[in-house]
Amino acid sequence: LDKTGINELVNDFIMATRRAKNIGYDVVEIHAAHGYLLHQFYSPLSNTRTDEYGGSFENRIRLLIEITRAVRNEWGTEKPLFVRLSATDWTEGGWTIEDSIRLAGVLKNEGVHLIDTSSGGNLPVAKIPNTPGYQVDFASRIKNEGGILTGAVGLITSAQQAEEIIAGNKADFVLLARESLRNPNFPLTAAHQLGDEIHWPIQYERAKPRKTT
């Protein structure tokens, strides 16, 4: 990927942001995790470049910062901008949580509002835990040491678990993916688990359980 290609890539992000703005989206998130191109650039395990985009920490994050700056300029300052990071490569010699905390500070200065905190995805040999909330501590450290809002993800499957994350000041958002696929009614389930009552969508009222006499 030469400089011309990098410039074209930055422009692609600008155009995508413009489409999102014109459609009326409220938030834009830059996906820089899970082994995708921006992660490949900032991880020392995949970036072997010898130009201004490789080598030092500052060089490896350069592409992400250039894209973030371009997206923020197109998106404006009135709407939130998120960035999804892999907080660690889970591999010796790779990207670390300390790197992520440092990067989060740079991104905050570029107008990013929140770090969507995931991990891994760059190498198939990485040994990633499979325990509930295994990435929450990364969100907590970036939030509390990096001074930026964070979203916690990863095997968060109950309302109580999500509530504890927020109440414990470990993250500002809890973001659900697979759990929403497993249980499309998670908002209703969560309300029940937390002792709250929420209104069912009108379209679903006929399917709502009713007491029989």
N, C-alpha and C. Protein backbone atom coordinates (compact mmCIF):
# COMPACT_ATOMS: atom_id res chain seq x y z
N LEU A 1 0.85 -1.19 0.00
CA LEU A 1 0.00 0.00 0.00
C LEU A 1 0.89 1.24 0.00
N ASP A 2 0.97 1.90 -1.15
CA ASP A 2 1.83 3.08 -1.25
C ASP A 2 1.08 4.33 -0.80
N LYS A 3 1.76 5.48 -0.87
CA LYS A 3 1.17 6.72 -0.37
C LYS A 3 -0.08 7.09 -1.15
N THR A 4 -0.07 6.83 -2.45
CA THR A 4 -1.26 7.12 -3.25
C THR A 4 -2.44 6.28 -2.77
N GLY A 5 -2.17 5.01 -2.51
CA GLY A 5 -3.22 4.13 -2.01
C GLY A 5 -3.72 4.56 -0.65
N ILE A 6 -2.82 5.01 0.21
CA ILE A 6 -3.21 5.49 1.53
C ILE A 6 -4.11 6.72 1.40
N ASN A 7 -3.75 7.63 0.51
CA ASN A 7 -4.58 8.82 0.30
C ASN A 7 -5.97 8.44 -0.21
N GLU A 8 -6.03 7.45 -1.08
CA GLU A 8 -7.32 6.97 -1.58
C GLU A 8 -8.13 6.34 -0.45
N LEU A 9 -7.44 5.62 0.43
CA LEU A 9 -8.12 5.00 1.56
C LEU A 9 -8.72 6.05 2.49
N VAL A 10 -7.95 7.08 2.79
CA VAL A 10 -8.47 8.16 3.63
C VAL A 10 -9.70 8.78 2.99
N ASN A 11 -9.65 8.98 1.68
CA ASN A 11 -10.79 9.56 0.97
C ASN A 11 -12.00 8.63 1.02
N ASP A 12 -11.76 7.32 0.97
CA ASP A 12 -12.87 6.36 1.09
C ASP A 12 -13.58 6.52 2.43
N PHE A 13 -12.82 6.71 3.50
CA PHE A 13 -13.43 6.92 4.81
C PHE A 13 -14.22 8.24 4.84
N ILE A 14 -13.69 9.26 4.19
CA ILE A 14 -14.41 10.53 4.11
C ILE A 14 -15.74 10.35 3.40
N MET A 15 -15.73 9.64 2.28
CA MET A 15 -16.95 9.45 1.50
C MET A 15 -17.96 8.61 2.27
N ALA A 16 -17.48 7.59 2.99
CA ALA A 16 -18.39 6.77 3.79
C ALA A 16 -19.02 7.61 4.90
N THR A 17 -18.23 8.47 5.51
CA THR A 17 -18.75 9.35 6.56
C THR A 17 -19.78 10.31 5.99
N ARG A 18 -19.53 10.81 4.81
CA ARG A 18 -20.47 11.73 4.17
C ARG A 18 -21.81 11.04 3.91
N ARG A 19 -21.75 9.78 3.47
CA ARG A 19 -22.99 9.04 3.24
C ARG A 19 -23.75 8.85 4.54
N ALA A 20 -23.03 8.51 5.61
CA ALA A 20 -23.67 8.32 6.91
C ALA A 20 -24.32 9.62 7.39
N LYS A 21 -23.65 10.73 7.17
CA LYS A 21 -24.18 12.03 7.58
C LYS A 21 -25.42 12.39 6.78
N ASN A 22 -25.37 12.15 5.47
CA ASN A 22 -26.51 12.49 4.61
C ASN A 22 -27.73 11.63 4.90
N ILE A 23 -27.50 10.37 5.28
CA ILE A 23 -28.60 9.47 5.62
C ILE A 23 -29.25 9.88 6.93
N GLY A 24 -28.44 10.44 7.84
CA GLY A 24 -28.98 10.88 9.11
C GLY A 24 -28.57 10.07 10.31
N TYR A 25 -27.48 9.32 10.20
CA TYR A 25 -26.99 8.56 11.35
C TYR A 25 -26.57 9.50 12.48
N ASP A 26 -26.69 9.01 13.70
CA ASP A 26 -26.36 9.81 14.88
C ASP A 26 -24.93 9.60 15.36
N VAL A 27 -24.34 8.45 15.02
CA VAL A 27 -22.99 8.10 15.48
C VAL A 27 -22.22 7.47 14.32
N VAL A 28 -20.95 7.76 14.23
CA VAL A 28 -20.05 7.05 13.31
C VAL A 28 -18.97 6.38 14.15
N GLU A 29 -18.68 5.12 13.82
CA GLU A 29 -17.60 4.40 14.50
C GLU A 29 -16.57 3.94 13.47
N ILE A 30 -15.32 4.21 13.74
CA ILE A 30 -14.21 3.73 12.92
C ILE A 30 -13.78 2.37 13.45
N HIS A 31 -13.85 1.35 12.60
CA HIS A 31 -13.48 -0.01 13.03
C HIS A 31 -11.97 -0.19 12.84
N ALA A 32 -11.25 -0.17 13.96
CA ALA A 32 -9.79 -0.31 13.91
C ALA A 32 -9.36 -1.48 14.78
N ALA A 33 -10.12 -2.57 14.74
CA ALA A 33 -9.83 -3.74 15.59
C ALA A 33 -9.87 -5.01 14.75
N HIS A 34 -9.64 -6.14 15.43
CA HIS A 34 -9.91 -7.48 14.90
C HIS A 34 -9.15 -7.85 13.64
N GLY A 35 -7.96 -7.29 13.48
CA GLY A 35 -7.14 -7.68 12.35
C GLY A 35 -7.46 -6.97 11.06
N TYR A 36 -8.42 -6.06 11.08
CA TYR A 36 -8.68 -5.26 9.89
C TYR A 36 -7.51 -4.29 9.66
N LEU A 37 -7.54 -3.61 8.53
CA LEU A 37 -6.35 -2.89 8.06
C LEU A 37 -5.77 -1.93 9.09
N LEU A 38 -6.60 -1.15 9.76
CA LEU A 38 -6.07 -0.16 10.71
C LEU A 38 -5.40 -0.85 11.89
N HIS A 39 -5.93 -1.99 12.32
CA HIS A 39 -5.28 -2.78 13.37
C HIS A 39 -3.95 -3.32 12.86
N GLN A 40 -3.93 -3.78 11.62
CA GLN A 40 -2.68 -4.29 11.05
C GLN A 40 -1.59 -3.23 11.03
N PHE A 41 -1.99 -1.98 10.87
CA PHE A 41 -1.01 -0.90 10.85
C PHE A 41 -0.47 -0.62 12.25
N TYR A 42 -1.34 -0.56 13.28
CA TYR A 42 -0.80 -0.18 14.60
C TYR A 42 -0.19 -1.33 15.37
N SER A 43 -0.46 -2.57 14.98
CA SER A 43 0.16 -3.70 15.67
C SER A 43 1.58 -3.95 15.17
N PRO A 44 2.55 -4.05 16.07
CA PRO A 44 3.93 -4.32 15.64
C PRO A 44 4.10 -5.73 15.08
N LEU A 45 3.14 -6.60 15.31
CA LEU A 45 3.25 -7.97 14.80
C LEU A 45 2.93 -8.05 13.32
N SER A 46 2.15 -7.12 12.82
CA SER A 46 1.75 -7.17 11.41
C SER A 46 2.35 -6.03 10.59
N ASN A 47 2.77 -4.95 11.24
CA ASN A 47 3.33 -3.80 10.52
C ASN A 47 4.85 -3.93 10.45
N THR A 48 5.33 -4.25 9.26
CA THR A 48 6.78 -4.36 9.04
C THR A 48 7.28 -3.27 8.10
N ARG A 49 6.50 -2.22 7.94
CA ARG A 49 6.88 -1.13 7.05
C ARG A 49 8.11 -0.40 7.57
N THR A 50 8.84 0.21 6.64
CA THR A 50 10.04 0.97 7.00
C THR A 50 9.91 2.45 6.65
N ASP A 51 8.69 2.85 6.26
CA ASP A 51 8.48 4.26 5.92
C ASP A 51 7.85 4.98 7.11
N GLU A 52 7.20 6.11 6.87
CA GLU A 52 6.63 6.90 7.97
C GLU A 52 5.42 6.25 8.62
N TYR A 53 4.98 5.11 8.08
CA TYR A 53 3.84 4.39 8.67
C TYR A 53 4.27 3.13 9.41
N GLY A 54 5.55 2.95 9.62
CA GLY A 54 6.03 1.76 10.30
C GLY A 54 7.13 2.06 11.29
N GLY A 55 7.38 1.09 12.17
CA GLY A 55 8.47 1.25 13.13
C GLY A 55 8.00 1.71 14.49
N SER A 56 8.07 2.99 14.75
CA SER A 56 7.74 3.54 16.07
C SER A 56 6.24 3.53 16.32
N PHE A 57 5.88 3.70 17.58
CA PHE A 57 4.47 3.80 17.97
C PHE A 57 3.79 4.92 17.18
N GLU A 58 4.42 6.08 17.13
CA GLU A 58 3.83 7.23 16.43
C GLU A 58 3.61 6.94 14.95
N ASN A 59 4.54 6.23 14.34
CA ASN A 59 4.39 5.91 12.92
C ASN A 59 3.29 4.88 12.70
N ARG A 60 3.21 3.88 13.56
CA ARG A 60 2.23 2.82 13.38
C ARG A 60 0.80 3.29 13.58
N ILE A 61 0.60 4.31 14.42
CA ILE A 61 -0.75 4.83 14.61
C ILE A 61 -1.08 5.94 13.61
N ARG A 62 -0.13 6.31 12.79
CA ARG A 62 -0.29 7.47 11.91
C ARG A 62 -1.52 7.35 11.00
N LEU A 63 -1.71 6.18 10.38
CA LEU A 63 -2.83 6.02 9.46
C LEU A 63 -4.16 6.18 10.19
N LEU A 64 -4.28 5.57 11.36
CA LEU A 64 -5.51 5.70 12.13
C LEU A 64 -5.77 7.16 12.49
N ILE A 65 -4.74 7.87 12.87
CA ILE A 65 -4.92 9.28 13.24
C ILE A 65 -5.30 10.11 12.02
N GLU A 66 -4.68 9.86 10.88
CA GLU A 66 -5.04 10.60 9.67
C GLU A 66 -6.49 10.35 9.29
N ILE A 67 -6.93 9.11 9.40
CA ILE A 67 -8.31 8.78 9.06
C ILE A 67 -9.27 9.38 10.09
N THR A 68 -8.92 9.29 11.36
CA THR A 68 -9.76 9.88 12.40
C THR A 68 -9.93 11.37 12.19
N ARG A 69 -8.85 12.03 11.88
CA ARG A 69 -8.89 13.49 11.66
C ARG A 69 -9.77 13.83 10.45
N ALA A 70 -9.64 13.04 9.40
CA ALA A 70 -10.44 13.28 8.19
C ALA A 70 -11.92 13.02 8.44
N VAL A 71 -12.20 11.94 9.16
CA VAL A 71 -13.59 11.60 9.48
C VAL A 71 -14.21 12.67 10.38
N ARG A 72 -13.46 13.10 11.38
CA ARG A 72 -13.98 14.13 12.29
C ARG A 72 -14.26 15.42 11.53
N ASN A 73 -13.39 15.77 10.61
CA ASN A 73 -13.59 16.99 9.82
C ASN A 73 -14.85 16.90 8.98
N GLU A 74 -15.11 15.73 8.40
CA GLU A 74 -16.31 15.53 7.58
C GLU A 74 -17.56 15.40 8.44
N TRP A 75 -17.46 14.70 9.54
CA TRP A 75 -18.60 14.40 10.41
C TRP A 75 -19.03 15.62 11.21
N GLY A 76 -18.09 16.50 11.52
CA GLY A 76 -18.38 17.66 12.34
C GLY A 76 -18.19 17.34 13.82
N THR A 77 -18.35 18.33 14.64
CA THR A 77 -18.12 18.17 16.08
C THR A 77 -19.40 18.01 16.87
N GLU A 78 -20.55 18.13 16.21
CA GLU A 78 -21.81 18.10 16.95
C GLU A 78 -22.32 16.69 17.21
N LYS A 79 -21.75 15.69 16.52
CA LYS A 79 -22.20 14.31 16.71
C LYS A 79 -21.05 13.44 17.21
N PRO A 80 -21.37 12.36 17.97
CA PRO A 80 -20.32 11.51 18.54
C PRO A 80 -19.55 10.73 17.49
N LEU A 81 -18.27 10.55 17.76
CA LEU A 81 -17.39 9.72 16.95
C LEU A 81 -16.76 8.67 17.85
N PHE A 82 -16.94 7.39 17.50
CA PHE A 82 -16.38 6.28 18.26
C PHE A 82 -15.26 5.64 17.44
N VAL A 83 -14.33 4.99 18.15
CA VAL A 83 -13.31 4.17 17.50
C VAL A 83 -13.27 2.83 18.21
N ARG A 84 -13.34 1.76 17.44
CA ARG A 84 -13.21 0.41 18.01
C ARG A 84 -11.76 -0.02 17.91
N LEU A 85 -11.19 -0.40 19.06
CA LEU A 85 -9.80 -0.86 19.13
C LEU A 85 -9.72 -2.28 19.64
N SER A 86 -8.68 -2.98 19.23
CA SER A 86 -8.27 -4.21 19.90
C SER A 86 -7.27 -3.81 20.97
N ALA A 87 -7.69 -3.90 22.23
CA ALA A 87 -6.87 -3.38 23.33
C ALA A 87 -5.57 -4.14 23.50
N THR A 88 -5.53 -5.38 23.05
CA THR A 88 -4.31 -6.18 23.12
C THR A 88 -4.35 -7.22 22.01
N ASP A 89 -3.17 -7.65 21.57
CA ASP A 89 -3.06 -8.73 20.60
C ASP A 89 -3.07 -10.10 21.27
N TRP A 90 -2.99 -10.13 22.60
CA TRP A 90 -2.91 -11.39 23.35
C TRP A 90 -1.71 -12.23 22.94
N THR A 91 -0.67 -11.59 22.46
CA THR A 91 0.51 -12.31 21.98
C THR A 91 1.76 -11.54 22.36
N GLU A 92 2.78 -12.26 22.82
CA GLU A 92 4.03 -11.62 23.20
C GLU A 92 4.61 -10.82 22.04
N GLY A 93 5.05 -9.62 22.34
CA GLY A 93 5.63 -8.76 21.32
C GLY A 93 4.61 -7.98 20.51
N GLY A 94 3.33 -8.15 20.86
CA GLY A 94 2.28 -7.48 20.11
C GLY A 94 1.80 -6.21 20.77
N TRP A 95 0.69 -5.72 20.28
CA TRP A 95 0.03 -4.52 20.82
C TRP A 95 -0.46 -4.82 22.23
N THR A 96 -0.33 -3.86 23.14
CA THR A 96 -0.66 -4.09 24.54
C THR A 96 -1.71 -3.10 25.03
N ILE A 97 -2.26 -3.39 26.20
CA ILE A 97 -3.22 -2.48 26.81
C ILE A 97 -2.57 -1.13 27.11
N GLU A 98 -1.30 -1.14 27.47
CA GLU A 98 -0.59 0.13 27.69
C GLU A 98 -0.53 0.96 26.41
N ASP A 99 -0.31 0.28 25.28
CA ASP A 99 -0.34 0.97 23.99
C ASP A 99 -1.72 1.58 23.74
N SER A 100 -2.76 0.82 24.08
CA SER A 100 -4.13 1.28 23.84
C SER A 100 -4.47 2.50 24.69
N ILE A 101 -4.01 2.49 25.93
CA ILE A 101 -4.25 3.65 26.81
C ILE A 101 -3.57 4.88 26.21
N ARG A 102 -2.37 4.69 25.74
CA ARG A 102 -1.63 5.80 25.12
C ARG A 102 -2.34 6.29 23.86
N LEU A 103 -2.78 5.36 23.02
CA LEU A 103 -3.48 5.71 21.79
C LEU A 103 -4.80 6.41 22.10
N ALA A 104 -5.49 5.95 23.13
CA ALA A 104 -6.77 6.55 23.50
C ALA A 104 -6.62 8.03 23.80
N GLY A 105 -5.52 8.39 24.46
CA GLY A 105 -5.27 9.80 24.75
C GLY A 105 -5.09 10.62 23.49
N VAL A 106 -4.40 10.04 22.51
CA VAL A 106 -4.21 10.73 21.23
C VAL A 106 -5.54 10.90 20.52
N LEU A 107 -6.34 9.82 20.51
CA LEU A 107 -7.64 9.86 19.84
C LEU A 107 -8.58 10.86 20.51
N LYS A 108 -8.51 10.94 21.82
CA LYS A 108 -9.33 11.92 22.54
C LYS A 108 -9.00 13.33 22.07
N ASN A 109 -7.72 13.61 21.91
CA ASN A 109 -7.30 14.93 21.44
C ASN A 109 -7.72 15.21 20.00
N GLU A 110 -8.02 14.14 19.26
CA GLU A 110 -8.48 14.29 17.88
C GLU A 110 -10.01 14.38 17.79
N GLY A 111 -10.67 14.42 18.94
CA GLY A 111 -12.12 14.59 18.93
C GLY A 111 -12.93 13.32 19.01
N VAL A 112 -12.29 12.21 19.35
CA VAL A 112 -13.03 10.95 19.54
C VAL A 112 -13.71 10.98 20.90
N HIS A 113 -14.97 10.54 20.93
CA HIS A 113 -15.74 10.58 22.17
C HIS A 113 -15.64 9.29 22.98
N LEU A 114 -15.53 8.15 22.30
CA LEU A 114 -15.60 6.87 23.00
C LEU A 114 -14.75 5.82 22.31
N ILE A 115 -14.10 4.97 23.12
CA ILE A 115 -13.36 3.82 22.62
C ILE A 115 -14.20 2.57 22.85
N ASP A 116 -14.60 1.94 21.77
CA ASP A 116 -15.31 0.65 21.80
C ASP A 116 -14.22 -0.41 21.98
N THR A 117 -14.15 -1.00 23.17
CA THR A 117 -12.96 -1.73 23.60
C THR A 117 -13.09 -3.23 23.42
N SER A 118 -12.51 -3.74 22.35
CA SER A 118 -12.46 -5.18 22.10
C SER A 118 -11.01 -5.64 22.20
N SER A 119 -10.68 -6.79 21.60
CA SER A 119 -9.30 -7.27 21.65
C SER A 119 -9.09 -8.36 20.61
N GLY A 120 -7.82 -8.64 20.33
CA GLY A 120 -7.45 -9.75 19.47
C GLY A 120 -7.89 -9.60 18.02
N GLY A 121 -7.80 -10.73 17.30
CA GLY A 121 -8.26 -10.79 15.93
C GLY A 121 -7.20 -10.62 14.88
N ASN A 122 -5.96 -10.34 15.30
CA ASN A 122 -4.90 -10.09 14.33
C ASN A 122 -4.09 -11.33 14.00
N LEU A 123 -4.09 -12.29 14.93
CA LEU A 123 -3.29 -13.51 14.75
C LEU A 123 -4.08 -14.73 15.18
N PRO A 124 -4.08 -15.79 14.38
CA PRO A 124 -4.83 -16.99 14.75
C PRO A 124 -4.23 -17.75 15.93
N VAL A 125 -2.96 -17.47 16.26
CA VAL A 125 -2.31 -18.20 17.35
C VAL A 125 -2.57 -17.58 18.72
N ALA A 126 -3.21 -16.43 18.75
CA ALA A 126 -3.46 -15.76 20.03
C ALA A 126 -4.36 -16.62 20.92
N LYS A 127 -4.01 -16.70 22.19
CA LYS A 127 -4.80 -17.47 23.15
C LYS A 127 -5.69 -16.48 23.91
N ILE A 128 -6.96 -16.44 23.52
CA ILE A 128 -7.90 -15.47 24.07
C ILE A 128 -8.82 -16.16 25.06
N PRO A 129 -8.99 -15.60 26.26
CA PRO A 129 -9.87 -16.22 27.26
C PRO A 129 -11.30 -16.33 26.76
N ASN A 130 -12.04 -17.24 27.38
CA ASN A 130 -13.44 -17.43 27.02
C ASN A 130 -14.29 -17.39 28.28
N THR A 131 -14.07 -16.35 29.08
CA THR A 131 -14.76 -16.21 30.35
C THR A 131 -15.64 -14.96 30.33
N PRO A 132 -16.71 -14.94 31.12
CA PRO A 132 -17.62 -13.79 31.11
C PRO A 132 -16.90 -12.47 31.35
N GLY A 133 -17.20 -11.49 30.51
CA GLY A 133 -16.65 -10.15 30.69
C GLY A 133 -15.15 -10.06 30.59
N TYR A 134 -14.54 -10.94 29.79
CA TYR A 134 -13.07 -11.03 29.78
C TYR A 134 -12.37 -9.77 29.25
N GLN A 135 -13.13 -8.88 28.60
CA GLN A 135 -12.50 -7.66 28.07
C GLN A 135 -12.86 -6.41 28.88
N VAL A 136 -13.66 -6.58 29.91
CA VAL A 136 -14.15 -5.42 30.67
C VAL A 136 -13.00 -4.65 31.33
N ASP A 137 -12.02 -5.36 31.84
CA ASP A 137 -10.89 -4.68 32.49
C ASP A 137 -10.14 -3.76 31.53
N PHE A 138 -10.11 -4.13 30.25
CA PHE A 138 -9.46 -3.26 29.26
C PHE A 138 -10.24 -1.95 29.13
N ALA A 139 -11.56 -2.06 29.05
CA ALA A 139 -12.40 -0.85 28.97
C ALA A 139 -12.21 0.01 30.21
N SER A 140 -12.10 -0.65 31.36
CA SER A 140 -11.94 0.08 32.62
C SER A 140 -10.62 0.84 32.65
N ARG A 141 -9.55 0.19 32.23
CA ARG A 141 -8.24 0.85 32.27
C ARG A 141 -8.18 2.01 31.28
N ILE A 142 -8.72 1.82 30.09
CA ILE A 142 -8.70 2.90 29.10
C ILE A 142 -9.54 4.07 29.60
N LYS A 143 -10.68 3.78 30.20
CA LYS A 143 -11.55 4.83 30.74
C LYS A 143 -10.86 5.59 31.86
N ASN A 144 -10.33 4.88 32.82
CA ASN A 144 -9.82 5.51 34.03
C ASN A 144 -8.39 6.02 33.91
N GLU A 145 -7.59 5.41 33.04
CA GLU A 145 -6.22 5.87 32.85
C GLU A 145 -6.06 6.75 31.61
N GLY A 146 -6.93 6.52 30.63
CA GLY A 146 -6.85 7.32 29.40
C GLY A 146 -7.75 8.54 29.41
N GLY A 147 -8.69 8.57 30.37
CA GLY A 147 -9.55 9.74 30.50
C GLY A 147 -10.54 9.92 29.37
N ILE A 148 -11.08 8.81 28.85
CA ILE A 148 -12.02 8.88 27.74
C ILE A 148 -13.15 7.90 28.00
N LEU A 149 -14.33 8.18 27.47
CA LEU A 149 -15.45 7.26 27.60
C LEU A 149 -15.12 5.94 26.90
N THR A 150 -15.63 4.84 27.46
CA THR A 150 -15.41 3.53 26.85
C THR A 150 -16.70 2.73 26.79
N GLY A 151 -16.72 1.79 25.85
CA GLY A 151 -17.77 0.80 25.76
C GLY A 151 -17.18 -0.56 26.04
N ALA A 152 -17.85 -1.36 26.87
CA ALA A 152 -17.39 -2.70 27.21
C ALA A 152 -18.13 -3.74 26.38
N VAL A 153 -17.39 -4.73 25.90
CA VAL A 153 -17.97 -5.80 25.08
C VAL A 153 -17.34 -7.13 25.48
N GLY A 154 -17.97 -8.22 25.05
CA GLY A 154 -17.37 -9.53 25.20
C GLY A 154 -17.97 -10.38 26.30
N LEU A 155 -18.82 -11.34 25.92
CA LEU A 155 -19.46 -12.29 26.85
C LEU A 155 -20.13 -11.56 28.01
N ILE A 156 -20.87 -10.54 27.67
CA ILE A 156 -21.76 -9.86 28.62
C ILE A 156 -23.16 -10.33 28.29
N THR A 157 -23.76 -11.12 29.16
CA THR A 157 -24.96 -11.86 28.79
C THR A 157 -26.15 -11.66 29.72
N SER A 158 -26.02 -10.84 30.74
CA SER A 158 -27.15 -10.63 31.65
C SER A 158 -27.24 -9.16 32.02
N ALA A 159 -28.44 -8.76 32.41
CA ALA A 159 -28.65 -7.37 32.82
C ALA A 159 -27.85 -7.04 34.07
N GLN A 160 -27.80 -8.00 35.01
CA GLN A 160 -27.05 -7.75 36.25
C GLN A 160 -25.57 -7.53 35.96
N GLN A 161 -25.03 -8.32 35.06
CA GLN A 161 -23.62 -8.17 34.69
C GLN A 161 -23.37 -6.79 34.07
N ALA A 162 -24.24 -6.39 33.17
CA ALA A 162 -24.10 -5.08 32.54
C ALA A 162 -24.25 -3.96 33.56
N GLU A 163 -25.21 -4.11 34.47
CA GLU A 163 -25.44 -3.09 35.50
C GLU A 163 -24.22 -2.92 36.40
N GLU A 164 -23.58 -4.03 36.74
CA GLU A 164 -22.39 -3.98 37.61
C GLU A 164 -21.24 -3.26 36.91
N ILE A 165 -21.12 -3.44 35.61
CA ILE A 165 -20.05 -2.77 34.86
C ILE A 165 -20.23 -1.26 34.91
N ILE A 166 -21.45 -0.81 34.68
CA ILE A 166 -21.71 0.64 34.70
C ILE A 166 -21.61 1.18 36.12
N ALA A 167 -22.24 0.49 37.07
CA ALA A 167 -22.24 0.97 38.46
C ALA A 167 -20.83 0.98 39.05
N GLY A 168 -19.99 0.06 38.59
CA GLY A 168 -18.62 -0.03 39.08
C GLY A 168 -17.65 0.91 38.38
N ASN A 169 -18.17 1.77 37.51
CA ASN A 169 -17.33 2.75 36.80
C ASN A 169 -16.27 2.07 35.94
N LYS A 170 -16.62 0.89 35.41
CA LYS A 170 -15.68 0.17 34.55
C LYS A 170 -15.84 0.56 33.08
N ALA A 171 -16.99 1.09 32.72
CA ALA A 171 -17.25 1.53 31.36
C ALA A 171 -18.45 2.45 31.38
N ASP A 172 -18.65 3.16 30.29
CA ASP A 172 -19.77 4.09 30.18
C ASP A 172 -20.91 3.52 29.35
N PHE A 173 -20.61 2.56 28.51
CA PHE A 173 -21.59 1.86 27.70
C PHE A 173 -21.34 0.37 27.84
N VAL A 174 -22.39 -0.42 27.69
CA VAL A 174 -22.26 -1.86 27.49
C VAL A 174 -22.84 -2.16 26.12
N LEU A 175 -22.04 -2.75 25.27
CA LEU A 175 -22.43 -3.00 23.89
C LEU A 175 -22.61 -4.50 23.68
N LEU A 176 -23.78 -4.89 23.21
CA LEU A 176 -24.11 -6.31 23.05
C LEU A 176 -24.17 -6.68 21.58
N ALA A 177 -23.67 -7.85 21.24
CA ALA A 177 -23.72 -8.33 19.87
C ALA A 177 -24.32 -9.73 19.83
N ARG A 178 -23.51 -10.75 20.15
CA ARG A 178 -24.01 -12.13 20.07
C ARG A 178 -25.19 -12.37 21.01
N GLU A 179 -25.18 -11.72 22.16
CA GLU A 179 -26.31 -11.92 23.08
C GLU A 179 -27.61 -11.40 22.48
N SER A 180 -27.53 -10.36 21.67
CA SER A 180 -28.73 -9.85 21.01
C SER A 180 -29.20 -10.79 19.91
N LEU A 181 -28.27 -11.54 19.32
CA LEU A 181 -28.65 -12.56 18.35
C LEU A 181 -29.27 -13.77 19.06
N ARG A 182 -28.67 -14.15 20.17
CA ARG A 182 -29.18 -15.29 20.93
C ARG A 182 -30.54 -14.99 21.52
N ASN A 183 -30.72 -13.76 21.99
CA ASN A 183 -31.97 -13.36 22.62
C ASN A 183 -32.40 -12.00 22.07
N PRO A 184 -33.14 -12.00 20.95
CA PRO A 184 -33.57 -10.73 20.36
C PRO A 184 -34.42 -9.88 21.30
N ASN A 185 -35.01 -10.50 22.32
CA ASN A 185 -35.83 -9.77 23.29
C ASN A 185 -35.02 -9.34 24.51
N PHE A 186 -33.71 -9.20 24.36
CA PHE A 186 -32.88 -8.89 25.52
C PHE A 186 -33.35 -7.65 26.28
N PRO A 187 -33.77 -6.57 25.63
CA PRO A 187 -34.24 -5.41 26.42
C PRO A 187 -35.39 -5.76 27.35
N LEU A 188 -36.31 -6.61 26.88
CA LEU A 188 -37.42 -7.03 27.74
C LEU A 188 -36.91 -7.92 28.87
N THR A 189 -36.01 -8.84 28.53
CA THR A 189 -35.43 -9.73 29.53
C THR A 189 -34.67 -8.93 30.58
N ALA A 190 -33.89 -7.96 30.13
CA ALA A 190 -33.10 -7.14 31.05
C ALA A 190 -33.99 -6.35 31.99
N ALA A 191 -35.06 -5.78 31.45
CA ALA A 191 -35.98 -5.02 32.30
C ALA A 191 -36.57 -5.91 33.38
N HIS A 192 -36.94 -7.13 33.00
CA HIS A 192 -37.50 -8.07 33.98
C HIS A 192 -36.46 -8.43 35.04
N GLN A 193 -35.22 -8.69 34.61
CA GLN A 193 -34.17 -9.06 35.56
C GLN A 193 -33.88 -7.95 36.55
N LEU A 194 -34.03 -6.70 36.12
CA LEU A 194 -33.73 -5.56 36.99
C LEU A 194 -34.96 -5.03 37.70
N GLY A 195 -36.08 -5.74 37.56
CA GLY A 195 -37.30 -5.35 38.27
C GLY A 195 -37.96 -4.12 37.70
N ASP A 196 -37.75 -3.86 36.43
CA ASP A 196 -38.34 -2.70 35.79
C ASP A 196 -39.44 -3.16 34.84
N GLU A 197 -40.27 -2.24 34.44
CA GLU A 197 -41.36 -2.53 33.51
C GLU A 197 -41.23 -1.59 32.33
N ILE A 198 -41.16 -2.14 31.13
CA ILE A 198 -41.08 -1.31 29.94
C ILE A 198 -42.22 -1.67 29.01
N HIS A 199 -42.57 -0.76 28.15
CA HIS A 199 -43.68 -0.97 27.22
C HIS A 199 -43.23 -1.87 26.07
N TRP A 200 -44.09 -2.82 25.74
CA TRP A 200 -43.81 -3.66 24.59
C TRP A 200 -44.12 -2.88 23.31
N PRO A 201 -43.37 -3.14 22.23
CA PRO A 201 -43.74 -2.54 20.95
C PRO A 201 -45.16 -2.97 20.57
N ILE A 202 -45.90 -2.07 19.98
CA ILE A 202 -47.30 -2.36 19.62
C ILE A 202 -47.39 -3.62 18.77
N GLN A 203 -46.41 -3.79 17.87
CA GLN A 203 -46.46 -4.94 16.96
C GLN A 203 -46.36 -6.27 17.71
N TYR A 204 -45.79 -6.24 18.93
CA TYR A 204 -45.57 -7.48 19.68
C TYR A 204 -46.65 -7.74 20.72
N GLU A 205 -47.59 -6.81 20.90
CA GLU A 205 -48.55 -6.93 21.98
C GLU A 205 -49.35 -8.23 21.93
N ARG A 206 -49.68 -8.69 20.74
CA ARG A 206 -50.48 -9.92 20.62
C ARG A 206 -49.73 -11.14 21.12
N ALA A 207 -48.39 -11.05 21.15
CA ALA A 207 -47.59 -12.19 21.60
C ALA A 207 -47.24 -12.10 23.08
N LYS A 208 -47.67 -11.04 23.75
CA LYS A 208 -47.33 -10.85 25.15
C LYS A 208 -48.07 -11.86 26.02
N PRO A 209 -47.36 -12.57 26.91
CA PRO A 209 -48.03 -13.54 27.79
C PRO A 209 -49.14 -12.87 28.60
N ARG A 210 -50.26 -13.56 28.71
CA ARG A 210 -51.39 -13.04 29.47
C ARG A 210 -51.81 -14.04 30.53
N LYS A 211 -52.26 -13.51 31.65
CA LYS A 211 -52.77 -14.38 32.69
C LYS A 211 -54.13 -14.93 32.28
N THR A 212 -54.37 -16.17 32.63
CA THR A 212 -55.67 -16.78 32.34
C THR A 212 -56.39 -17.06 33.64
N THR A 213 -57.69 -17.04 33.59
CA THR A 213 -58.47 -17.30 34.80
C THR A 213 -59.06 -18.69 34.77
